[in-house]
Amino acid sequence: MAKLTKPLTNTEVKQAKPKEKLYKLSDGGGLLLRVKPNGFKTWIFDDYKPHTKSRTSIGFGSYPET
């Protein structure tokens, strides 16, 4: 069974502070918020194809524009 993730709120996204290394916050269903050390935040979709066992990351844009 898949692990359920609570969707991120706008407040949680706004308050995500940069750290020394890049980190990701999960919004569920493969949608992630990537926070870079310089404070830049981008939305990405991490897709996993079970038949080929490959991963693909698709960028949707930066926060708060997207």
PDB file of N, CA and C in Angstrom:
ATOM      1  N   MET A   1       0.835  -1.178   0.000  1.00  0.00           N
ATOM      2  CA  MET A   1       0.000   0.000   0.000  1.00  0.00           C
ATOM      3  C   MET A   1       0.881   1.243   0.000  1.00  0.00           C
ATOM      4  N   ALA A   2       0.482   2.241  -0.754  1.00  0.00           N
ATOM      5  CA  ALA A   2       1.248   3.476  -0.866  1.00  0.00           C
ATOM      6  C   ALA A   2       1.144   4.300   0.415  1.00  0.00           C
ATOM      7  N   LYS A   3       2.216   5.011   0.707  1.00  0.00           N
ATOM      8  CA  LYS A   3       2.243   5.883   1.875  1.00  0.00           C
ATOM      9  C   LYS A   3       1.500   7.177   1.532  1.00  0.00           C
ATOM     10  N   LEU A   4       0.561   7.577   2.378  1.00  0.00           N
ATOM     11  CA  LEU A   4      -0.201   8.801   2.148  1.00  0.00           C
ATOM     12  C   LEU A   4       0.554   9.997   2.703  1.00  0.00           C
ATOM     13  N   THR A   5       0.583  11.072   1.945  1.00  0.00           N
ATOM     14  CA  THR A   5       1.273  12.294   2.335  1.00  0.00           C
ATOM     15  C   THR A   5       0.269  13.425   2.426  1.00  0.00           C
ATOM     16  N   LYS A   6       0.383  14.227   3.488  1.00  0.00           N
ATOM     17  CA  LYS A   6      -0.492  15.385   3.652  1.00  0.00           C
ATOM     18  C   LYS A   6      -0.032  16.464   2.681  1.00  0.00           C
ATOM     19  N   PRO A   7      -0.943  17.025   1.876  1.00  0.00           N
ATOM     20  CA  PRO A   7      -0.551  18.078   0.934  1.00  0.00           C
ATOM     21  C   PRO A   7       0.032  19.296   1.664  1.00  0.00           C
ATOM     22  N   LEU A   8       0.982  19.938   1.013  1.00  0.00           N
ATOM     23  CA  LEU A   8       1.600  21.137   1.578  1.00  0.00           C
ATOM     24  C   LEU A   8       0.612  22.304   1.545  1.00  0.00           C
ATOM     25  N   THR A   9       0.661  23.119   2.572  1.00  0.00           N
ATOM     26  CA  THR A   9      -0.150  24.329   2.581  1.00  0.00           C
ATOM     27  C   THR A   9       0.704  25.480   2.079  1.00  0.00           C
ATOM     28  N   ASN A  10       0.060  26.582   1.702  1.00  0.00           N
ATOM     29  CA  ASN A  10       0.784  27.751   1.229  1.00  0.00           C
ATOM     30  C   ASN A  10       1.723  28.281   2.325  1.00  0.00           C
ATOM     31  N   THR A  11       1.282  28.231   3.571  1.00  0.00           N
ATOM     32  CA  THR A  11       2.107  28.686   4.695  1.00  0.00           C
ATOM     33  C   THR A  11       3.364  27.827   4.842  1.00  0.00           C
ATOM     34  N   GLU A  12       3.228  26.503   4.716  1.00  0.00           N
ATOM     35  CA  GLU A  12       4.386  25.607   4.820  1.00  0.00           C
ATOM     36  C   GLU A  12       5.397  25.887   3.709  1.00  0.00           C
ATOM     37  N   VAL A  13       4.901  26.153   2.506  1.00  0.00           N
ATOM     38  CA  VAL A  13       5.785  26.436   1.372  1.00  0.00           C
ATOM     39  C   VAL A  13       6.497  27.766   1.585  1.00  0.00           C
ATOM     40  N   LYS A  14       5.765  28.785   2.017  1.00  0.00           N
ATOM     41  CA  LYS A  14       6.365  30.103   2.268  1.00  0.00           C
ATOM     42  C   LYS A  14       7.440  30.041   3.343  1.00  0.00           C
ATOM     43  N   GLN A  15       7.208  29.233   4.381  1.00  0.00           N
ATOM     44  CA  GLN A  15       8.116  29.179   5.518  1.00  0.00           C
ATOM     45  C   GLN A  15       9.258  28.186   5.338  1.00  0.00           C
ATOM     46  N   ALA A  16       9.347  27.507   4.212  1.00  0.00           N
ATOM     47  CA  ALA A  16      10.447  26.575   3.953  1.00  0.00           C
ATOM     48  C   ALA A  16      11.741  27.378   3.815  1.00  0.00           C
ATOM     49  N   LYS A  17      12.649  27.174   4.743  1.00  0.00           N
ATOM     50  CA  LYS A  17      13.903  27.931   4.775  1.00  0.00           C
ATOM     51  C   LYS A  17      15.015  27.159   4.074  1.00  0.00           C
ATOM     52  N   PRO A  18      15.943  27.866   3.422  1.00  0.00           N
ATOM     53  CA  PRO A  18      17.071  27.184   2.783  1.00  0.00           C
ATOM     54  C   PRO A  18      17.989  26.550   3.822  1.00  0.00           C
ATOM     55  N   LYS A  19      18.584  25.438   3.450  1.00  0.00           N
ATOM     56  CA  LYS A  19      19.560  24.733   4.291  1.00  0.00           C
ATOM     57  C   LYS A  19      20.875  24.670   3.535  1.00  0.00           C
ATOM     58  N   GLU A  20      21.884  24.043   4.122  1.00  0.00           N
ATOM     59  CA  GLU A  20      23.194  23.947   3.471  1.00  0.00           C
ATOM     60  C   GLU A  20      23.137  23.138   2.187  1.00  0.00           C
ATOM     61  N   LYS A  21      22.252  22.140   2.141  1.00  0.00           N
ATOM     62  CA  LYS A  21      22.114  21.297   0.953  1.00  0.00           C
ATOM     63  C   LYS A  21      20.692  21.394   0.419  1.00  0.00           C
ATOM     64  N   LEU A  22      20.528  21.086  -0.850  1.00  0.00           N
ATOM     65  CA  LEU A  22      19.218  21.043  -1.489  1.00  0.00           C
ATOM     66  C   LEU A  22      18.356  19.997  -0.778  1.00  0.00           C
ATOM     67  N   TYR A  23      17.085  20.308  -0.569  1.00  0.00           N
ATOM     68  CA  TYR A  23      16.167  19.316  -0.015  1.00  0.00           C
ATOM     69  C   TYR A  23      14.811  19.446  -0.686  1.00  0.00           C
ATOM     70  N   LYS A  24      13.982  18.410  -0.511  1.00  0.00           N
ATOM     71  CA  LYS A  24      12.685  18.358  -1.167  1.00  0.00           C
ATOM     72  C   LYS A  24      11.589  18.138  -0.132  1.00  0.00           C
ATOM     73  N   LEU A  25      10.453  18.794  -0.358  1.00  0.00           N
ATOM     74  CA  LEU A  25       9.256  18.597   0.455  1.00  0.00           C
ATOM     75  C   LEU A  25       8.203  17.947  -0.434  1.00  0.00           C
ATOM     76  N   SER A  26       7.624  16.851   0.029  1.00  0.00           N
ATOM     77  CA  SER A  26       6.652  16.119  -0.777  1.00  0.00           C
ATOM     78  C   SER A  26       5.247  16.684  -0.594  1.00  0.00           C
ATOM     79  N   ASP A  27       4.542  16.819  -1.709  1.00  0.00           N
ATOM     80  CA  ASP A  27       3.155  17.268  -1.700  1.00  0.00           C
ATOM     81  C   ASP A  27       2.218  16.095  -1.985  1.00  0.00           C
ATOM     82  N   GLY A  28       2.770  14.933  -2.274  1.00  0.00           N
ATOM     83  CA  GLY A  28       1.976  13.737  -2.552  1.00  0.00           C
ATOM     84  C   GLY A  28       1.841  13.483  -4.045  1.00  0.00           C
ATOM     85  N   GLY A  29       1.728  12.237  -4.410  1.00  0.00           N
ATOM     86  CA  GLY A  29       1.518  11.855  -5.804  1.00  0.00           C
ATOM     87  C   GLY A  29       2.695  12.135  -6.720  1.00  0.00           C
ATOM     88  N   GLY A  30       3.894  12.306  -6.161  1.00  0.00           N
ATOM     89  CA  GLY A  30       5.079  12.567  -6.970  1.00  0.00           C
ATOM     90  C   GLY A  30       5.413  14.039  -7.128  1.00  0.00           C
ATOM     91  N   LEU A  31       4.544  14.934  -6.654  1.00  0.00           N
ATOM     92  CA  LEU A  31       4.806  16.368  -6.745  1.00  0.00           C
ATOM     93  C   LEU A  31       5.678  16.796  -5.572  1.00  0.00           C
ATOM     94  N   LEU A  32       6.774  17.498  -5.876  1.00  0.00           N
ATOM     95  CA  LEU A  32       7.738  17.903  -4.855  1.00  0.00           C
ATOM     96  C   LEU A  32       8.055  19.380  -4.965  1.00  0.00           C
ATOM     97  N   LEU A  33       8.372  19.983  -3.835  1.00  0.00           N
ATOM     98  CA  LEU A  33       8.905  21.338  -3.802  1.00  0.00           C
ATOM     99  C   LEU A  33      10.385  21.201  -3.494  1.00  0.00           C
ATOM    100  N   ARG A  34      11.224  21.662  -4.411  1.00  0.00           N
ATOM    101  CA  ARG A  34      12.682  21.579  -4.227  1.00  0.00           C
ATOM    102  C   ARG A  34      13.167  22.933  -3.719  1.00  0.00           C
ATOM    103  N   VAL A  35      13.855  22.937  -2.568  1.00  0.00           N
ATOM    104  CA  VAL A  35      14.370  24.164  -1.964  1.00  0.00           C
ATOM    105  C   VAL A  35      15.895  24.128  -2.053  1.00  0.00           C
ATOM    106  N   LYS A  36      16.468  25.107  -2.767  1.00  0.00           N
ATOM    107  CA  LYS A  36      17.914  25.169  -2.966  1.00  0.00           C
ATOM    108  C   LYS A  36      18.579  25.984  -1.855  1.00  0.00           C
ATOM    109  N   PRO A  37      19.881  25.834  -1.661  1.00  0.00           N
ATOM    110  CA  PRO A  37      20.586  26.575  -0.612  1.00  0.00           C
ATOM    111  C   PRO A  37      20.498  28.096  -0.750  1.00  0.00           C
ATOM    112  N   ASN A  38      20.281  28.612  -1.953  1.00  0.00           N
ATOM    113  CA  ASN A  38      20.151  30.062  -2.133  1.00  0.00           C
ATOM    114  C   ASN A  38      18.726  30.555  -1.883  1.00  0.00           C
ATOM    115  N   GLY A  39      17.801  29.646  -1.499  1.00  0.00           N
ATOM    116  CA  GLY A  39      16.431  30.013  -1.184  1.00  0.00           C
ATOM    117  C   GLY A  39      15.466  29.894  -2.341  1.00  0.00           C
ATOM    118  N   PHE A  40      15.931  29.536  -3.538  1.00  0.00           N
ATOM    119  CA  PHE A  40      15.086  29.394  -4.722  1.00  0.00           C
ATOM    120  C   PHE A  40      14.233  28.130  -4.585  1.00  0.00           C
ATOM    121  N   LYS A  41      12.928  28.232  -4.819  1.00  0.00           N
ATOM    122  CA  LYS A  41      11.993  27.115  -4.673  1.00  0.00           C
ATOM    123  C   LYS A  41      11.369  26.798  -6.021  1.00  0.00           C
ATOM    124  N   THR A  42      11.393  25.530  -6.404  1.00  0.00           N
ATOM    125  CA  THR A  42      10.798  25.108  -7.669  1.00  0.00           C
ATOM    126  C   THR A  42       9.917  23.885  -7.446  1.00  0.00           C
ATOM    127  N   TRP A  43       8.869  23.788  -8.257  1.00  0.00           N
ATOM    128  CA  TRP A  43       7.986  22.622  -8.247  1.00  0.00           C
ATOM    129  C   TRP A  43       8.486  21.621  -9.283  1.00  0.00           C
ATOM    130  N   ILE A  44       8.593  20.351  -8.889  1.00  0.00           N
ATOM    131  CA  ILE A  44       8.972  19.291  -9.825  1.00  0.00           C
ATOM    132  C   ILE A  44       8.044  18.091  -9.627  1.00  0.00           C
ATOM    133  N   PHE A  45       7.905  17.307 -10.675  1.00  0.00           N
ATOM    134  CA  PHE A  45       7.148  16.064 -10.618  1.00  0.00           C
ATOM    135  C   PHE A  45       8.132  14.932 -10.851  1.00  0.00           C
ATOM    136  N   ASP A  46       8.223  14.021  -9.897  1.00  0.00           N
ATOM    137  CA  ASP A  46       9.143  12.894  -9.980  1.00  0.00           C
ATOM    138  C   ASP A  46       8.355  11.676 -10.440  1.00  0.00           C
ATOM    139  N   ASP A  47       8.570  11.270 -11.685  1.00  0.00           N
ATOM    140  CA  ASP A  47       7.825  10.176 -12.298  1.00  0.00           C
ATOM    141  C   ASP A  47       8.670   8.909 -12.286  1.00  0.00           C
ATOM    142  N   TYR A  48       8.059   7.795 -11.872  1.00  0.00           N
ATOM    143  CA  TYR A  48       8.733   6.503 -11.861  1.00  0.00           C
ATOM    144  C   TYR A  48       7.989   5.550 -12.789  1.00  0.00           C
ATOM    145  N   LYS A  49       8.718   4.949 -13.733  1.00  0.00           N
ATOM    146  CA  LYS A  49       8.123   4.002 -14.673  1.00  0.00           C
ATOM    147  C   LYS A  49       8.516   2.588 -14.237  1.00  0.00           C
ATOM    148  N   PRO A  50       7.570   1.819 -13.675  1.00  0.00           N
ATOM    149  CA  PRO A  50       7.914   0.503 -13.131  1.00  0.00           C
ATOM    150  C   PRO A  50       8.381  -0.515 -14.168  1.00  0.00           C
ATOM    151  N   HIS A  51       7.923  -0.382 -15.421  1.00  0.00           N
ATOM    152  CA  HIS A  51       8.308  -1.367 -16.433  1.00  0.00           C
ATOM    153  C   HIS A  51       9.767  -1.210 -16.845  1.00  0.00           C
ATOM    154  N   THR A  52      10.221   0.032 -16.968  1.00  0.00           N
ATOM    155  CA  THR A  52      11.611   0.281 -17.360  1.00  0.00           C
ATOM    156  C   THR A  52      12.487   0.598 -16.165  1.00  0.00           C
ATOM    157  N   LYS A  53      11.878   0.778 -14.984  1.00  0.00           N
ATOM    158  CA  LYS A  53      12.577   1.104 -13.736  1.00  0.00           C
ATOM    159  C   LYS A  53      13.421   2.370 -13.871  1.00  0.00           C
ATOM    160  N   SER A  54      12.856   3.356 -14.557  1.00  0.00           N
ATOM    161  CA  SER A  54      13.568   4.620 -14.727  1.00  0.00           C
ATOM    162  C   SER A  54      12.788   5.749 -14.066  1.00  0.00           C
ATOM    163  N   ARG A  55      13.521   6.781 -13.668  1.00  0.00           N
ATOM    164  CA  ARG A  55      12.921   7.963 -13.045  1.00  0.00           C
ATOM    165  C   ARG A  55      13.130   9.161 -13.953  1.00  0.00           C
ATOM    166  N   THR A  56      12.131  10.026 -13.966  1.00  0.00           N
ATOM    167  CA  THR A  56      12.199  11.260 -14.735  1.00  0.00           C
ATOM    168  C   THR A  56      11.666  12.381 -13.862  1.00  0.00           C
ATOM    169  N   SER A  57      12.375  13.494 -13.825  1.00  0.00           N
ATOM    170  CA  SER A  57      11.900  14.675 -13.093  1.00  0.00           C
ATOM    171  C   SER A  57      11.492  15.741 -14.102  1.00  0.00           C
ATOM    172  N   ILE A  58      10.286  16.265 -13.928  1.00  0.00           N
ATOM    173  CA  ILE A  58       9.749  17.292 -14.812  1.00  0.00           C
ATOM    174  C   ILE A  58       9.524  18.551 -13.991  1.00  0.00           C
ATOM    175  N   GLY A  59      10.120  19.664 -14.406  1.00  0.00           N
ATOM    176  CA  GLY A  59       9.959  20.924 -13.690  1.00  0.00           C
ATOM    177  C   GLY A  59       8.711  21.667 -14.153  1.00  0.00           C
ATOM    178  N   PHE A  60       8.002  22.257 -13.181  1.00  0.00           N
ATOM    179  CA  PHE A  60       6.793  23.026 -13.489  1.00  0.00           C
ATOM    180  C   PHE A  60       6.980  24.523 -13.349  1.00  0.00           C
ATOM    181  N   GLY A  61       8.016  24.947 -12.695  1.00  0.00           N
ATOM    182  CA  GLY A  61       8.234  26.377 -12.510  1.00  0.00           C
ATOM    183  C   GLY A  61       8.592  26.705 -11.080  1.00  0.00           C
ATOM    184  N   SER A  62       8.851  27.980 -10.852  1.00  0.00           N
ATOM    185  CA  SER A  62       9.302  28.399  -9.521  1.00  0.00           C
ATOM    186  C   SER A  62       8.126  28.859  -8.668  1.00  0.00           C
ATOM    187  N   TYR A  63       8.346  28.839  -7.377  1.00  0.00           N
ATOM    188  CA  TYR A  63       7.360  29.361  -6.425  1.00  0.00           C
ATOM    189  C   TYR A  63       7.690  30.816  -6.201  1.00  0.00           C
ATOM    190  N   PRO A  64       6.792  31.732  -6.159  1.00  0.00           N
ATOM    191  CA  PRO A  64       5.339  31.655  -6.114  1.00  0.00           C
ATOM    192  C   PRO A  64       4.659  31.823  -7.468  1.00  0.00           C
ATOM    193  N   GLU A  65       5.408  31.948  -8.574  1.00  0.00           N
ATOM    194  CA  GLU A  65       4.802  32.167  -9.891  1.00  0.00           C
ATOM    195  C   GLU A  65       3.886  31.001 -10.293  1.00  0.00           C
ATOM    196  N   THR A  66       4.284  29.779  -9.957  1.00  0.00           N
ATOM    197  CA  THR A  66       3.504  28.612 -10.337  1.00  0.00           C
ATOM    198  C   THR A  66       2.788  28.061  -9.126  1.00  0.00           C
TER     199      THR A  66
END
